[in-house]
Full PDB file with SEQRES, HELIX, SHEET, SSBOND, CRYST1, ORIGX, SCALE, CONECT and MASTER records, all heavy atoms in Angstrom:
SEQRES   1 A   37  TYR VAL ASP SER GLU GLY LYS PRO TYR GLN SER ASN LEU          
SEQRES   2 A   37  LYS GLU ILE LYS ARG ARG TYR GLU VAL GLU VAL SER PHE          
SEQRES   3 A   37  MET ASN ALA GLN GLU ASP LYS ARG PHE GLU VAL                  
HELIX    1 AA1 GLN A   10  GLU A   36  1                                  27    
CRYST1    1.000    1.000    1.000  90.00  90.00  90.00 P 1           1          
ORIGX1      1.000000  0.000000  0.000000        0.00000                         
ORIGX2      0.000000  1.000000  0.000000        0.00000                         
ORIGX3      0.000000  0.000000  1.000000        0.00000                         
SCALE1      1.000000  0.000000  0.000000        0.00000                         
SCALE2      0.000000  1.000000  0.000000        0.00000                         
SCALE3      0.000000  0.000000  1.000000        0.00000                         
ATOM      1  N   TYR A   1      14.649 -39.810  43.803  1.00  0.00           N  
ATOM      2  CA  TYR A   1      16.054 -39.479  43.805  1.00  0.00           C  
ATOM      3  C   TYR A   1      16.207 -37.949  43.728  1.00  0.00           C  
ATOM      4  O   TYR A   1      15.503 -37.271  43.004  1.00  0.00           O  
ATOM      5  CB  TYR A   1      16.749 -40.134  42.603  1.00  0.00           C  
ATOM      6  CG  TYR A   1      16.688 -41.619  42.651  1.00  0.00           C  
ATOM      7  CD1 TYR A   1      15.801 -42.352  41.860  1.00  0.00           C  
ATOM      8  CD2 TYR A   1      17.502 -42.351  43.520  1.00  0.00           C  
ATOM      9  CE1 TYR A   1      15.727 -43.715  41.900  1.00  0.00           C  
ATOM     10  CE2 TYR A   1      17.443 -43.724  43.575  1.00  0.00           C  
ATOM     11  CZ  TYR A   1      16.572 -44.395  42.778  1.00  0.00           C  
ATOM     12  OH  TYR A   1      16.496 -45.763  42.844  1.00  0.00           O  
ATOM     13  N   VAL A   2      17.170 -37.426  44.501  1.00  0.00           N  
ATOM     14  CA  VAL A   2      17.421 -36.031  44.525  1.00  0.00           C  
ATOM     15  C   VAL A   2      18.867 -35.713  44.157  1.00  0.00           C  
ATOM     16  O   VAL A   2      19.741 -36.538  44.343  1.00  0.00           O  
ATOM     17  CB  VAL A   2      17.100 -35.397  45.929  1.00  0.00           C  
ATOM     18  CG1 VAL A   2      15.647 -35.506  46.240  1.00  0.00           C  
ATOM     19  CG2 VAL A   2      17.927 -36.085  47.005  1.00  0.00           C  
ATOM     20  N   ASP A   3      19.087 -34.494  43.653  1.00  0.00           N  
ATOM     21  CA  ASP A   3      20.450 -34.084  43.288  1.00  0.00           C  
ATOM     22  C   ASP A   3      21.177 -33.544  44.497  1.00  0.00           C  
ATOM     23  O   ASP A   3      20.672 -33.587  45.630  1.00  0.00           O  
ATOM     24  CB  ASP A   3      20.427 -33.076  42.136  1.00  0.00           C  
ATOM     25  CG  ASP A   3      19.697 -31.825  42.493  1.00  0.00           C  
ATOM     26  OD1 ASP A   3      19.389 -31.562  43.667  1.00  0.00           O  
ATOM     27  OD2 ASP A   3      19.358 -31.056  41.536  1.00  0.00           O  
ATOM     28  N   SER A   4      22.371 -33.011  44.318  1.00  0.00           N  
ATOM     29  CA  SER A   4      23.175 -32.515  45.437  1.00  0.00           C  
ATOM     30  C   SER A   4      22.534 -31.327  46.137  1.00  0.00           C  
ATOM     31  O   SER A   4      22.849 -31.036  47.283  1.00  0.00           O  
ATOM     32  CB  SER A   4      24.569 -32.164  44.929  1.00  0.00           C  
ATOM     33  OG  SER A   4      24.484 -31.172  43.914  1.00  0.00           O  
ATOM     34  N   GLU A   5      21.656 -30.620  45.439  1.00  0.00           N  
ATOM     35  CA  GLU A   5      20.954 -29.477  46.044  1.00  0.00           C  
ATOM     36  C   GLU A   5      19.658 -29.877  46.761  1.00  0.00           C  
ATOM     37  O   GLU A   5      19.001 -29.045  47.333  1.00  0.00           O  
ATOM     38  CB  GLU A   5      20.668 -28.434  44.988  1.00  0.00           C  
ATOM     39  CG  GLU A   5      21.904 -27.867  44.340  1.00  0.00           C  
ATOM     40  CD  GLU A   5      21.597 -26.973  43.146  1.00  0.00           C  
ATOM     41  OE1 GLU A   5      20.362 -26.706  42.912  1.00  0.00           O  
ATOM     42  OE2 GLU A   5      22.512 -26.496  42.503  1.00  0.00           O  
ATOM     43  N   GLY A   6      19.333 -31.138  46.709  1.00  0.00           N  
ATOM     44  CA  GLY A   6      18.115 -31.621  47.377  1.00  0.00           C  
ATOM     45  C   GLY A   6      16.877 -31.540  46.521  1.00  0.00           C  
ATOM     46  O   GLY A   6      15.768 -31.799  46.963  1.00  0.00           O  
ATOM     47  N   LYS A   7      17.027 -31.154  45.250  1.00  0.00           N  
ATOM     48  CA  LYS A   7      15.873 -31.110  44.333  1.00  0.00           C  
ATOM     49  C   LYS A   7      15.679 -32.464  43.662  1.00  0.00           C  
ATOM     50  O   LYS A   7      16.664 -33.096  43.241  1.00  0.00           O  
ATOM     51  CB  LYS A   7      16.123 -30.021  43.252  1.00  0.00           C  
ATOM     52  CG  LYS A   7      16.153 -28.635  43.785  1.00  0.00           C  
ATOM     53  CD  LYS A   7      16.379 -27.641  42.696  1.00  0.00           C  
ATOM     54  CE  LYS A   7      16.439 -26.227  43.258  1.00  0.00           C  
ATOM     55  NZ  LYS A   7      16.641 -25.264  42.158  1.00  0.00           N  
ATOM     56  N   PRO A   8      14.435 -32.888  43.555  1.00  0.00           N  
ATOM     57  CA  PRO A   8      14.189 -34.190  42.934  1.00  0.00           C  
ATOM     58  C   PRO A   8      14.435 -34.119  41.422  1.00  0.00           C  
ATOM     59  O   PRO A   8      14.199 -33.078  40.779  1.00  0.00           O  
ATOM     60  CB  PRO A   8      12.719 -34.458  43.242  1.00  0.00           C  
ATOM     61  CG  PRO A   8      12.108 -33.124  43.488  1.00  0.00           C  
ATOM     62  CD  PRO A   8      13.192 -32.279  44.031  1.00  0.00           C  
ATOM     63  N   TYR A   9      14.949 -35.206  40.875  1.00  0.00           N  
ATOM     64  CA  TYR A   9      15.136 -35.268  39.417  1.00  0.00           C  
ATOM     65  C   TYR A   9      13.771 -35.335  38.719  1.00  0.00           C  
ATOM     66  O   TYR A   9      12.880 -36.095  39.096  1.00  0.00           O  
ATOM     67  CB  TYR A   9      15.918 -36.540  39.058  1.00  0.00           C  
ATOM     68  CG  TYR A   9      17.376 -36.470  39.466  1.00  0.00           C  
ATOM     69  CD1 TYR A   9      17.870 -37.261  40.483  1.00  0.00           C  
ATOM     70  CD2 TYR A   9      18.262 -35.624  38.797  1.00  0.00           C  
ATOM     71  CE1 TYR A   9      19.211 -37.214  40.875  1.00  0.00           C  
ATOM     72  CE2 TYR A   9      19.609 -35.564  39.169  1.00  0.00           C  
ATOM     73  CZ  TYR A   9      20.054 -36.373  40.223  1.00  0.00           C  
ATOM     74  OH  TYR A   9      21.380 -36.325  40.590  1.00  0.00           O  
ATOM     75  N   GLN A  10      13.613 -34.493  37.712  1.00  0.00           N  
ATOM     76  CA  GLN A  10      12.348 -34.384  37.038  1.00  0.00           C  
ATOM     77  C   GLN A  10      12.030 -35.683  36.266  1.00  0.00           C  
ATOM     78  O   GLN A  10      10.878 -36.127  36.265  1.00  0.00           O  
ATOM     79  CB  GLN A  10      12.365 -33.239  36.019  1.00  0.00           C  
ATOM     80  CG  GLN A  10      12.321 -31.859  36.678  1.00  0.00           C  
ATOM     81  CD  GLN A  10      11.034 -31.717  37.473  1.00  0.00           C  
ATOM     82  OE1 GLN A  10       9.949 -31.734  36.937  1.00  0.00           O  
ATOM     83  NE2 GLN A  10      11.155 -31.564  38.783  1.00  0.00           N  
ATOM     84  N   SER A  11      13.035 -36.324  35.727  1.00  0.00           N  
ATOM     85  CA  SER A  11      12.795 -37.601  35.011  1.00  0.00           C  
ATOM     86  C   SER A  11      12.287 -38.667  35.989  1.00  0.00           C  
ATOM     87  O   SER A  11      11.421 -39.459  35.597  1.00  0.00           O  
ATOM     88  CB  SER A  11      14.107 -38.078  34.332  1.00  0.00           C  
ATOM     89  OG  SER A  11      15.112 -38.259  35.281  1.00  0.00           O  
ATOM     90  N   ASN A  12      12.782 -38.679  37.193  1.00  0.00           N  
ATOM     91  CA  ASN A  12      12.323 -39.604  38.210  1.00  0.00           C  
ATOM     92  C   ASN A  12      10.877 -39.340  38.583  1.00  0.00           C  
ATOM     93  O   ASN A  12      10.046 -40.282  38.669  1.00  0.00           O  
ATOM     94  CB  ASN A  12      13.225 -39.514  39.431  1.00  0.00           C  
ATOM     95  CG  ASN A  12      12.864 -40.424  40.568  1.00  0.00           C  
ATOM     96  OD1 ASN A  12      12.670 -39.990  41.670  1.00  0.00           O  
ATOM     97  ND2 ASN A  12      12.723 -41.758  40.299  1.00  0.00           N  
ATOM     98  N   LEU A  13      10.515 -38.074  38.751  1.00  0.00           N  
ATOM     99  CA  LEU A  13       9.139 -37.703  39.111  1.00  0.00           C  
ATOM    100  C   LEU A  13       8.179 -38.033  37.970  1.00  0.00           C  
ATOM    101  O   LEU A  13       7.092 -38.525  38.205  1.00  0.00           O  
ATOM    102  CB  LEU A  13       9.054 -36.204  39.460  1.00  0.00           C  
ATOM    103  CG  LEU A  13       9.819 -35.763  40.689  1.00  0.00           C  
ATOM    104  CD1 LEU A  13       9.666 -34.281  40.901  1.00  0.00           C  
ATOM    105  CD2 LEU A  13       9.385 -36.514  41.937  1.00  0.00           C  
ATOM    106  N   LYS A  14       8.621 -37.796  36.733  1.00  0.00           N  
ATOM    107  CA  LYS A  14       7.797 -38.124  35.578  1.00  0.00           C  
ATOM    108  C   LYS A  14       7.585 -39.626  35.488  1.00  0.00           C  
ATOM    109  O   LYS A  14       6.454 -40.065  35.130  1.00  0.00           O  
ATOM    110  CB  LYS A  14       8.433 -37.582  34.312  1.00  0.00           C  
ATOM    111  CG  LYS A  14       8.392 -36.065  34.178  1.00  0.00           C  
ATOM    112  CD  LYS A  14       9.113 -35.598  32.932  1.00  0.00           C  
ATOM    113  CE  LYS A  14       9.124 -34.053  32.906  1.00  0.00           C  
ATOM    114  NZ  LYS A  14       9.907 -33.544  31.800  1.00  0.00           N  
ATOM    115  N   GLU A  15       8.604 -40.394  35.766  1.00  0.00           N  
ATOM    116  CA  GLU A  15       8.462 -41.853  35.723  1.00  0.00           C  
ATOM    117  C   GLU A  15       7.506 -42.358  36.795  1.00  0.00           C  
ATOM    118  O   GLU A  15       6.702 -43.253  36.542  1.00  0.00           O  
ATOM    119  CB  GLU A  15       9.853 -42.516  35.888  1.00  0.00           C  
ATOM    120  CG  GLU A  15       9.797 -44.022  35.829  1.00  0.00           C  
ATOM    121  CD  GLU A  15       9.349 -44.603  34.501  1.00  0.00           C  
ATOM    122  OE1 GLU A  15       9.333 -43.862  33.504  1.00  0.00           O  
ATOM    123  OE2 GLU A  15       8.994 -45.779  34.483  1.00  0.00           O  
ATOM    124  N   ILE A  16       7.578 -41.795  37.976  1.00  0.00           N  
ATOM    125  CA  ILE A  16       6.657 -42.176  39.080  1.00  0.00           C  
ATOM    126  C   ILE A  16       5.221 -41.825  38.653  1.00  0.00           C  
ATOM    127  O   ILE A  16       4.323 -42.661  38.800  1.00  0.00           O  
ATOM    128  CB  ILE A  16       7.043 -41.474  40.402  1.00  0.00           C  
ATOM    129  CG1 ILE A  16       8.357 -42.037  40.917  1.00  0.00           C  
ATOM    130  CG2 ILE A  16       5.941 -41.624  41.442  1.00  0.00           C  
ATOM    131  CD1 ILE A  16       8.935 -41.229  42.080  1.00  0.00           C  
ATOM    132  N   LYS A  17       5.023 -40.647  38.107  1.00  0.00           N  
ATOM    133  CA  LYS A  17       3.711 -40.239  37.649  1.00  0.00           C  
ATOM    134  C   LYS A  17       3.196 -41.176  36.542  1.00  0.00           C  
ATOM    135  O   LYS A  17       2.028 -41.574  36.551  1.00  0.00           O  
ATOM    136  CB  LYS A  17       3.740 -38.784  37.178  1.00  0.00           C  
ATOM    137  CG  LYS A  17       2.390 -38.265  36.715  1.00  0.00           C  
ATOM    138  CD  LYS A  17       2.492 -36.840  36.261  1.00  0.00           C  
ATOM    139  CE  LYS A  17       1.112 -36.376  35.732  1.00  0.00           C  
ATOM    140  NZ  LYS A  17       1.173 -35.111  35.076  1.00  0.00           N  
ATOM    141  N   ARG A  18       4.092 -41.504  35.590  1.00  0.00           N  
ATOM    142  CA  ARG A  18       3.687 -42.373  34.482  1.00  0.00           C  
ATOM    143  C   ARG A  18       3.287 -43.745  34.986  1.00  0.00           C  
ATOM    144  O   ARG A  18       2.244 -44.289  34.588  1.00  0.00           O  
ATOM    145  CB  ARG A  18       4.874 -42.525  33.510  1.00  0.00           C  
ATOM    146  CG  ARG A  18       4.485 -43.303  32.247  1.00  0.00           C  
ATOM    147  CD  ARG A  18       5.701 -43.681  31.437  1.00  0.00           C  
ATOM    148  NE  ARG A  18       6.546 -44.672  32.086  1.00  0.00           N  
ATOM    149  CZ  ARG A  18       6.278 -45.980  32.196  1.00  0.00           C  
ATOM    150  NH1 ARG A  18       5.166 -46.445  31.665  1.00  0.00           N  
ATOM    151  NH2 ARG A  18       7.101 -46.781  32.815  1.00  0.00           N  
ATOM    152  N   ARG A  19       4.080 -44.301  35.912  1.00  0.00           N  
ATOM    153  CA  ARG A  19       3.721 -45.629  36.476  1.00  0.00           C  
ATOM    154  C   ARG A  19       2.393 -45.605  37.224  1.00  0.00           C  
ATOM    155  O   ARG A  19       1.617 -46.547  37.142  1.00  0.00           O  
ATOM    156  CB  ARG A  19       4.827 -46.112  37.362  1.00  0.00           C  
ATOM    157  CG  ARG A  19       6.059 -46.552  36.621  1.00  0.00           C  
ATOM    158  CD  ARG A  19       7.100 -47.103  37.560  1.00  0.00           C  
ATOM    159  NE  ARG A  19       8.288 -47.473  36.831  1.00  0.00           N  
ATOM    160  CZ  ARG A  19       9.353 -47.991  37.373  1.00  0.00           C  
ATOM    161  NH1 ARG A  19       9.387 -48.194  38.667  1.00  0.00           N  
ATOM    162  NH2 ARG A  19      10.415 -48.302  36.646  1.00  0.00           N  
ATOM    163  N   TYR A  20       2.141 -44.551  37.945  1.00  0.00           N  
ATOM    164  CA  TYR A  20       0.889 -44.409  38.672  1.00  0.00           C  
ATOM    165  C   TYR A  20      -0.267 -44.350  37.703  1.00  0.00           C  
ATOM    166  O   TYR A  20      -1.257 -45.027  37.842  1.00  0.00           O  
ATOM    167  CB  TYR A  20       0.906 -43.140  39.535  1.00  0.00           C  
ATOM    168  CG  TYR A  20      -0.442 -42.821  40.135  1.00  0.00           C  
ATOM    169  CD1 TYR A  20      -0.953 -43.536  41.200  1.00  0.00           C  
ATOM    170  CD2 TYR A  20      -1.210 -41.745  39.634  1.00  0.00           C  
ATOM    171  CE1 TYR A  20      -2.186 -43.235  41.730  1.00  0.00           C  
ATOM    172  CE2 TYR A  20      -2.439 -41.453  40.172  1.00  0.00           C  
ATOM    173  CZ  TYR A  20      -2.927 -42.191  41.218  1.00  0.00           C  
ATOM    174  OH  TYR A  20      -4.145 -41.916  41.732  1.00  0.00           O  
ATOM    175  N   GLU A  21      -0.110 -43.572  36.623  1.00  0.00           N  
ATOM    176  CA  GLU A  21      -1.169 -43.471  35.626  1.00  0.00           C  
ATOM    177  C   GLU A  21      -1.408 -44.790  34.902  1.00  0.00           C  
ATOM    178  O   GLU A  21      -2.559 -45.119  34.573  1.00  0.00           O  
ATOM    179  CB  GLU A  21      -0.813 -42.343  34.626  1.00  0.00           C  
ATOM    180  CG  GLU A  21      -0.938 -40.980  35.247  1.00  0.00           C  
ATOM    181  CD  GLU A  21      -0.388 -39.853  34.365  1.00  0.00           C  
ATOM    182  OE1 GLU A  21       0.239 -40.166  33.315  1.00  0.00           O  
ATOM    183  OE2 GLU A  21      -0.622 -38.675  34.711  1.00  0.00           O  
ATOM    184  N   VAL A  22      -0.337 -45.562  34.679  1.00  0.00           N  
ATOM    185  CA  VAL A  22      -0.524 -46.897  34.074  1.00  0.00           C  
ATOM    186  C   VAL A  22      -1.336 -47.799  34.987  1.00  0.00           C  
ATOM    187  O   VAL A  22      -2.229 -48.509  34.539  1.00  0.00           O  
ATOM    188  CB  VAL A  22       0.861 -47.514  33.774  1.00  0.00           C  
ATOM    189  CG1 VAL A  22       0.763 -49.002  33.442  1.00  0.00           C  
ATOM    190  CG2 VAL A  22       1.519 -46.766  32.601  1.00  0.00           C  
ATOM    191  N   GLU A  23      -1.018 -47.784  36.295  1.00  0.00           N  
ATOM    192  CA  GLU A  23      -1.755 -48.600  37.255  1.00  0.00           C  
ATOM    193  C   GLU A  23      -3.252 -48.207  37.289  1.00  0.00           C  
ATOM    194  O   GLU A  23      -4.134 -49.077  37.257  1.00  0.00           O  
ATOM    195  CB  GLU A  23      -1.171 -48.466  38.660  1.00  0.00           C  
ATOM    196  CG  GLU A  23       0.202 -49.056  38.789  1.00  0.00           C  
ATOM    197  CD  GLU A  23       0.205 -50.522  39.092  1.00  0.00           C  
ATOM    198  OE1 GLU A  23      -0.810 -51.059  39.546  1.00  0.00           O  
ATOM    199  OE2 GLU A  23       1.229 -51.148  38.821  1.00  0.00           O  
ATOM    200  N   VAL A  24      -3.523 -46.940  37.334  1.00  0.00           N  
ATOM    201  CA  VAL A  24      -4.896 -46.427  37.374  1.00  0.00           C  
ATOM    202  C   VAL A  24      -5.590 -46.766  36.077  1.00  0.00           C  
ATOM    203  O   VAL A  24      -6.769 -47.190  36.097  1.00  0.00           O  
ATOM    204  CB  VAL A  24      -4.908 -44.900  37.655  1.00  0.00           C  
ATOM    205  CG1 VAL A  24      -6.309 -44.363  37.459  1.00  0.00           C  
ATOM    206  CG2 VAL A  24      -4.425 -44.640  39.041  1.00  0.00           C  
ATOM    207  N   SER A  25      -4.910 -46.655  34.972  1.00  0.00           N  
ATOM    208  CA  SER A  25      -5.520 -46.991  33.664  1.00  0.00           C  
ATOM    209  C   SER A  25      -5.868 -48.430  33.573  1.00  0.00           C  
ATOM    210  O   SER A  25      -6.947 -48.824  33.128  1.00  0.00           O  
ATOM    211  CB  SER A  25      -4.534 -46.600  32.570  1.00  0.00           C  
ATOM    212  OG  SER A  25      -4.983 -47.051  31.344  1.00  0.00           O  
ATOM    213  N   PHE A  26      -4.973 -49.309  34.080  1.00  0.00           N  
ATOM    214  CA  PHE A  26      -5.244 -50.760  34.106  1.00  0.00           C  
ATOM    215  C   PHE A  26      -6.442 -51.061  35.006  1.00  0.00           C  
ATOM    216  O   PHE A  26      -7.303 -51.905  34.643  1.00  0.00           O  
ATOM    217  CB  PHE A  26      -4.036 -51.539  34.502  1.00  0.00           C  
ATOM    218  CG  PHE A  26      -4.178 -53.037  34.400  1.00  0.00           C  
ATOM    219  CD1 PHE A  26      -4.412 -53.625  33.166  1.00  0.00           C  
ATOM    220  CD2 PHE A  26      -4.193 -53.809  35.532  1.00  0.00           C  
ATOM    221  CE1 PHE A  26      -4.544 -54.994  33.057  1.00  0.00           C  
ATOM    222  CE2 PHE A  26      -4.369 -55.190  35.460  1.00  0.00           C  
ATOM    223  CZ  PHE A  26      -4.546 -55.785  34.189  1.00  0.00           C  
ATOM    224  N   MET A  27      -6.520 -50.429  36.150  1.00  0.00           N  
ATOM    225  CA  MET A  27      -7.645 -50.640  37.050  1.00  0.00           C  
ATOM    226  C   MET A  27      -8.953 -50.209  36.407  1.00  0.00           C  
ATOM    227  O   MET A  27      -9.954 -50.913  36.456  1.00  0.00           O  
ATOM    228  CB  MET A  27      -7.442 -49.850  38.348  1.00  0.00           C  
ATOM    229  CG  MET A  27      -8.565 -50.086  39.384  1.00  0.00           C  
ATOM    230  SD  MET A  27      -8.400 -49.110  40.866  1.00  0.00           S  
ATOM    231  CE  MET A  27      -8.574 -47.456  40.252  1.00  0.00           C  
ATOM    232  N   ASN A  28      -8.923 -49.059  35.716  1.00  0.00           N  
ATOM    233  CA  ASN A  28     -10.105 -48.577  35.002  1.00  0.00           C  
ATOM    234  C   ASN A  28     -10.523 -49.550  33.927  1.00  0.00           C  
ATOM    235  O   ASN A  28     -11.716 -49.802  33.702  1.00  0.00           O  
ATOM    236  CB  ASN A  28      -9.902 -47.188  34.436  1.00  0.00           C  
ATOM    237  CG  ASN A  28      -9.808 -46.131  35.530  1.00  0.00           C  
ATOM    238  OD1 ASN A  28     -10.284 -46.347  36.636  1.00  0.00           O  
ATOM    239  ND2 ASN A  28      -9.176 -45.040  35.221  1.00  0.00           N  
ATOM    240  N   ALA A  29      -9.530 -50.118  33.199  1.00  0.00           N  
ATOM    241  CA  ALA A  29      -9.831 -51.094  32.150  1.00  0.00           C  
ATOM    242  C   ALA A  29     -10.489 -52.333  32.773  1.00  0.00           C  
ATOM    243  O   ALA A  29     -11.446 -52.861  32.176  1.00  0.00           O  
ATOM    244  CB  ALA A  29      -8.563 -51.475  31.408  1.00  0.00           C  
ATOM    245  N   GLN A  30     -10.018 -52.785  33.916  1.00  0.00           N  
ATOM    246  CA  GLN A  30     -10.579 -53.950  34.567  1.00  0.00           C  
ATOM    247  C   GLN A  30     -12.022 -53.638  35.050  1.00  0.00           C  
ATOM    248  O   GLN A  30     -12.907 -54.482  34.943  1.00  0.00           O  
ATOM    249  CB  GLN A  30      -9.744 -54.411  35.730  1.00  0.00           C  
ATOM    250  CG  GLN A  30      -8.414 -55.013  35.326  1.00  0.00           C  
ATOM    251  CD  GLN A  30      -8.587 -56.267  34.502  1.00  0.00           C  
ATOM    252  OE1 GLN A  30      -8.588 -56.235  33.283  1.00  0.00           O  
ATOM    253  NE2 GLN A  30      -8.755 -57.398  35.182  1.00  0.00           N  
ATOM    254  N   GLU A  31     -12.261 -52.428  35.548  1.00  0.00           N  
ATOM    255  CA  GLU A  31     -13.575 -52.059  35.981  1.00  0.00           C  
ATOM    256  C   GLU A  31     -14.528 -51.983  34.787  1.00  0.00           C  
ATOM    257  O   GLU A  31     -15.709 -52.364  34.885  1.00  0.00           O  
ATOM    258  CB  GLU A  31     -13.541 -50.745  36.766  1.00  0.00           C  
ATOM    259  CG  GLU A  31     -12.944 -50.912  38.116  1.00  0.00           C  
ATOM    260  CD  GLU A  31     -12.790 -49.634  38.891  1.00  0.00           C  
ATOM    261  OE1 GLU A  31     -12.781 -48.521  38.268  1.00  0.00           O  
ATOM    262  OE2 GLU A  31     -12.614 -49.688  40.130  1.00  0.00           O  
ATOM    263  N   ASP A  32     -14.042 -51.504  33.636  1.00  0.00           N  
ATOM    264  CA  ASP A  32     -14.859 -51.504  32.414  1.00  0.00           C  
ATOM    265  C   ASP A  32     -15.185 -52.907  31.951  1.00  0.00           C  
ATOM    266  O   ASP A  32     -16.309 -53.192  31.529  1.00  0.00           O  
ATOM    267  CB  ASP A  32     -14.112 -50.763  31.281  1.00  0.00           C  
ATOM    268  CG  ASP A  32     -14.009 -49.254  31.551  1.00  0.00           C  
ATOM    269  OD1 ASP A  32     -14.725 -48.740  32.425  1.00  0.00           O  
ATOM    270  OD2 ASP A  32     -13.193 -48.617  30.841  1.00  0.00           O  
ATOM    271  N   LYS A  33     -14.189 -53.799  32.097  1.00  0.00           N  
ATOM    272  CA  LYS A  33     -14.388 -55.226  31.754  1.00  0.00           C  
ATOM    273  C   LYS A  33     -15.480 -55.827  32.625  1.00  0.00           C  
ATOM    274  O   LYS A  33     -16.346 -56.555  32.153  1.00  0.00           O  
ATOM    275  CB  LYS A  33     -13.065 -55.937  31.873  1.00  0.00           C  
ATOM    276  CG  LYS A  33     -13.088 -57.355  31.350  1.00  0.00           C  
ATOM    277  CD  LYS A  33     -11.674 -57.936  31.427  1.00  0.00           C  
ATOM    278  CE  LYS A  33     -11.602 -59.324  30.940  1.00  0.00           C  
ATOM    279  NZ  LYS A  33     -10.235 -59.879  31.051  1.00  0.00           N  
ATOM    280  N   ARG A  34     -15.397 -55.508  33.916  1.00  0.00           N  
ATOM    281  CA  ARG A  34     -16.409 -56.034  34.873  1.00  0.00           C  
ATOM    282  C   ARG A  34     -17.810 -55.511  34.490  1.00  0.00           C  
ATOM    283  O   ARG A  34     -18.784 -56.267  34.492  1.00  0.00           O  
ATOM    284  CB  ARG A  34     -16.062 -55.586  36.305  1.00  0.00           C  
ATOM    285  CG  ARG A  34     -17.089 -55.989  37.318  1.00  0.00           C  
ATOM    286  CD  ARG A  34     -16.737 -55.578  38.716  1.00  0.00           C  
ATOM    287  NE  ARG A  34     -16.559 -54.142  38.795  1.00  0.00           N  
ATOM    288  CZ  ARG A  34     -16.126 -53.506  39.855  1.00  0.00           C  
ATOM    289  NH1 ARG A  34     -15.828 -54.150  40.940  1.00  0.00           N  
ATOM    290  NH2 ARG A  34     -15.997 -52.203  39.841  1.00  0.00           N  
ATOM    291  N   PHE A  35     -17.901 -54.239  34.113  1.00  0.00           N  
ATOM    292  CA  PHE A  35     -19.156 -53.645  33.704  1.00  0.00           C  
ATOM    293  C   PHE A  35     -19.700 -54.345  32.489  1.00  0.00           C  
ATOM    294  O   PHE A  35     -20.928 -54.632  32.398  1.00  0.00           O  
ATOM    295  CB  PHE A  35     -18.979 -52.151  33.452  1.00  0.00           C  
ATOM    296  CG  PHE A  35     -20.225 -51.450  32.978  1.00  0.00           C  
ATOM    297  CD1 PHE A  35     -21.264 -51.214  33.903  1.00  0.00           C  
ATOM    298  CD2 PHE A  35     -20.395 -51.054  31.680  1.00  0.00           C  
ATOM    299  CE1 PHE A  35     -22.438 -50.568  33.495  1.00  0.00           C  
ATOM    300  CE2 PHE A  35     -21.541 -50.437  31.259  1.00  0.00           C  
ATOM    301  CZ  PHE A  35     -22.557 -50.195  32.180  1.00  0.00           C  
ATOM    302  N   GLU A  36     -18.838 -54.661  31.541  1.00  0.00           N  
ATOM    303  CA  GLU A  36     -19.280 -55.352  30.325  1.00  0.00           C  
ATOM    304  C   GLU A  36     -19.806 -56.763  30.642  1.00  0.00           C  
ATOM    305  O   GLU A  36     -20.782 -57.201  30.049  1.00  0.00           O  
ATOM    306  CB  GLU A  36     -18.152 -55.448  29.286  1.00  0.00           C  
ATOM    307  CG  GLU A  36     -17.759 -54.113  28.699  1.00  0.00           C  
ATOM    308  CD  GLU A  36     -18.904 -53.437  27.966  1.00  0.00           C  
ATOM    309  OE1 GLU A  36     -19.657 -54.109  27.228  1.00  0.00           O  
ATOM    310  OE2 GLU A  36     -19.027 -52.203  28.113  1.00  0.00           O  
ATOM    311  N   VAL A  37     -19.160 -57.448  31.595  1.00  0.00           N  
ATOM    312  CA  VAL A  37     -19.646 -58.758  31.979  1.00  0.00           C  
ATOM    313  C   VAL A  37     -21.020 -58.675  32.659  1.00  0.00           C  
ATOM    314  O   VAL A  37     -21.880 -59.464  32.367  1.00  0.00           O  
ATOM    315  CB  VAL A  37     -18.616 -59.467  32.932  1.00  0.00           C  
ATOM    316  CG1 VAL A  37     -19.200 -60.759  33.511  1.00  0.00           C  
ATOM    317  CG2 VAL A  37     -17.321 -59.778  32.179  1.00  0.00           C  
TER     318      VAL A  37                                                      
MASTER        0    0    0    1    0    0    0    6  317    1    0    3          
END                                                                             
């Protein structure tokens, strides 16, 4: 989402980054689980 000046909202960018990091973290946890098995 962007404001009237065309700049992206920082809260939106932070949320996208946070969701990406959650996905990557979950994937890493699953890979660790596989390694343990």
